[in-house]
Amino acid sequence: MECIVCHEVTNKYKCPKCLGQYCSLKCYKVHKDSPECVLKVNETEIAKTLAVDDEEEPTVHEPFKTEDTVPKEKLQMLGTNESLKNLLYNPHLRNLLTEIDTAPNAWKAIRAAMQEPLFLEFADECLKIVEPQNEED
């Protein structure tokens, strides 16, 4: 590929607006306010708008749906549950959840968190909403 400004062969950088390739900061500064970049951005935005207008409802892509996938309605119920909201006021619980979310090995982090009574209470509250038990169980 060649630089969109100086036409030297490059594959170093791409313009964040139009994805055109450029070779240096100098070329980027020349290009970023150029009519070519603005034109491509406008064409891209128009194409996106047309694509959305063609669809009645945007579809949510669920790439790895399994038997454990939680339905959208249940997830929304988690967001409005007062018991969960009250538990999340606790900074220790929020720190545990952040550690799990950012851990390189999430399963290991969850196993460690399961030793914490506060995390168990949070998990139980989530399960009551996501998988309510019948009174027979």
Protein backbone atom coordinates (compact mmCIF):
# COMPACT_ATOMS: atom_id res chain seq x y z
CA MET A 1 0.00 0.00 0.00
CA GLU A 2 1.11 3.54 -0.50
CA CYS A 3 0.82 6.65 1.65
CA ILE A 4 -2.29 8.69 0.82
CA VAL A 5 -0.25 11.91 0.93
CA CYS A 6 3.29 11.32 -0.37
CA HIS A 7 2.59 8.02 -2.18
CA GLU A 8 5.59 6.21 -0.65
CA VAL A 9 5.15 2.49 -0.01
CA THR A 10 3.97 2.02 3.59
CA ASN A 11 1.81 -0.03 5.88
CA LYS A 12 2.65 1.76 9.12
CA TYR A 13 -0.44 3.77 10.05
CA LYS A 14 -4.13 4.12 9.18
CA CYS A 15 -6.22 7.26 9.44
CA PRO A 16 -8.82 6.79 12.20
CA LYS A 17 -11.42 8.66 10.13
CA CYS A 18 -11.16 7.14 6.66
CA LEU A 19 -8.73 4.24 7.21
CA GLY A 20 -6.41 5.55 4.50
CA GLN A 21 -2.76 4.55 5.02
CA TYR A 22 -0.05 7.10 5.71
CA CYS A 23 3.66 6.85 6.53
CA SER A 24 4.38 9.59 9.08
CA LEU A 25 2.96 12.19 11.43
CA LYS A 26 3.78 14.86 8.88
CA CYS A 27 1.64 13.13 6.24
CA TYR A 28 -1.17 12.53 8.74
CA LYS A 29 -1.29 16.24 9.66
CA VAL A 30 -1.59 17.13 5.98
CA HIS A 31 -4.24 14.47 5.37
CA LYS A 32 -6.52 14.74 8.43
CA ASP A 33 -8.21 17.98 7.35
CA SER A 34 -8.08 17.30 3.63
CA PRO A 35 -11.30 17.11 1.59
CA GLU A 36 -10.49 13.49 0.65
CA CYS A 37 -10.60 12.38 4.27
CA VAL A 38 -13.77 14.32 5.06
CA LEU A 39 -15.45 12.99 1.91
CA LYS A 40 -14.67 9.37 2.78
CA VAL A 41 -15.91 9.89 6.34
CA ASN A 42 -19.19 11.33 5.08
CA GLU A 43 -19.64 8.44 2.64
CA THR A 44 -19.03 5.95 5.46
CA GLU A 45 -21.54 7.67 7.77
CA ILE A 46 -24.17 7.76 5.02
CA ALA A 47 -23.66 4.07 4.30
CA LYS A 48 -24.04 3.22 8.00
CA THR A 49 -27.20 5.31 8.26
CA LEU A 50 -28.71 3.63 5.22
CA ALA A 51 -27.88 0.19 6.59
CA VAL A 52 -29.60 0.98 9.91
CA ASP A 53 -32.63 2.48 8.15
CA ASP A 54 -33.05 -0.73 6.13
CA GLU A 55 -33.42 -2.77 9.30
CA GLU A 56 -36.51 -2.43 11.44
CA GLU A 57 -34.70 -3.46 14.61
CA PRO A 58 -30.95 -3.87 14.92
CA THR A 59 -30.18 -7.45 15.81
CA VAL A 60 -27.91 -8.34 18.70
CA HIS A 61 -25.23 -10.77 17.65
CA GLU A 62 -24.80 -13.64 20.12
CA PRO A 63 -21.71 -15.39 18.80
CA PHE A 64 -21.41 -18.10 21.45
CA LYS A 65 -24.95 -18.82 22.59
CA THR A 66 -24.98 -21.90 24.85
CA GLU A 67 -27.37 -23.51 27.31
CA ASP A 68 -25.85 -21.17 29.94
CA THR A 69 -26.60 -17.99 27.96
CA VAL A 70 -28.77 -15.67 30.05
CA PRO A 71 -31.78 -14.21 28.21
CA LYS A 72 -31.82 -10.44 27.74
CA GLU A 73 -34.94 -10.06 29.91
CA LYS A 74 -33.20 -11.74 32.87
CA LEU A 75 -30.14 -9.51 32.43
CA GLN A 76 -32.40 -6.47 32.53
CA MET A 77 -33.95 -7.79 35.74
CA LEU A 78 -30.46 -7.95 37.27
CA GLY A 79 -30.02 -4.26 36.50
CA THR A 80 -33.19 -3.24 38.33
CA ASN A 81 -33.01 -5.53 41.37
CA GLU A 82 -32.81 -3.52 44.60
CA SER A 83 -31.03 -6.27 46.58
CA LEU A 84 -28.24 -6.39 44.02
CA LYS A 85 -27.99 -2.61 43.94
CA ASN A 86 -27.64 -2.54 47.72
CA LEU A 87 -24.90 -5.18 47.65
CA LEU A 88 -23.01 -3.21 45.01
CA TYR A 89 -22.68 -0.24 47.37
CA ASN A 90 -20.00 -2.27 49.14
CA PRO A 91 -16.56 -1.21 47.81
CA HIS A 92 -15.04 -4.61 48.67
CA LEU A 93 -17.56 -6.38 46.42
CA ARG A 94 -16.95 -3.89 43.62
CA ASN A 95 -13.19 -4.49 43.93
CA LEU A 96 -13.72 -8.27 43.78
CA LEU A 97 -15.84 -7.92 40.64
CA THR A 98 -13.25 -5.66 39.04
CA GLU A 99 -10.48 -8.16 39.85
CA ILE A 100 -12.51 -10.96 38.24
CA ASP A 101 -13.26 -8.83 35.19
CA THR A 102 -9.62 -7.91 34.63
CA ALA A 103 -8.02 -11.21 35.67
CA PRO A 104 -6.06 -13.10 33.02
CA ASN A 105 -7.61 -16.32 34.34
CA ALA A 106 -11.24 -15.52 35.19
CA TRP A 107 -12.07 -19.03 36.48
CA LYS A 108 -9.23 -18.89 38.98
CA ALA A 109 -10.33 -15.43 40.11
CA ILE A 110 -13.92 -16.62 40.54
CA ARG A 111 -12.75 -19.63 42.59
CA ALA A 112 -10.82 -17.26 44.86
CA ALA A 113 -13.79 -14.90 45.15
CA MET A 114 -16.05 -17.81 46.11
CA GLN A 115 -14.16 -17.90 49.44
CA GLU A 116 -15.63 -14.49 50.28
CA PRO A 117 -19.08 -14.58 51.97
CA LEU A 118 -19.98 -11.24 50.37
CA PHE A 119 -19.30 -12.58 46.88
CA LEU A 120 -21.34 -15.72 47.64
CA GLU A 121 -24.24 -13.53 48.75
CA PHE A 122 -23.95 -11.56 45.49
CA ALA A 123 -23.79 -14.72 43.37
CA ASP A 124 -26.79 -16.23 45.18
CA GLU A 125 -28.82 -13.07 44.61
CA CYS A 126 -27.95 -13.14 40.90
CA LEU A 127 -28.96 -16.80 40.64
CA LYS A 128 -32.31 -16.13 42.34
CA ILE A 129 -33.13 -13.82 39.45
CA VAL A 130 -31.52 -15.73 36.57
CA GLU A 131 -32.55 -19.24 37.65
CA PRO A 132 -35.35 -18.98 40.21
CA GLN A 133 -35.87 -22.22 42.12
CA ASN A 134 -39.29 -23.81 42.30
CA GLU A 135 -40.67 -24.22 45.81
CA GLU A 136 -40.62 -27.99 45.18
CA ASP A 137 -36.78 -28.02 44.83
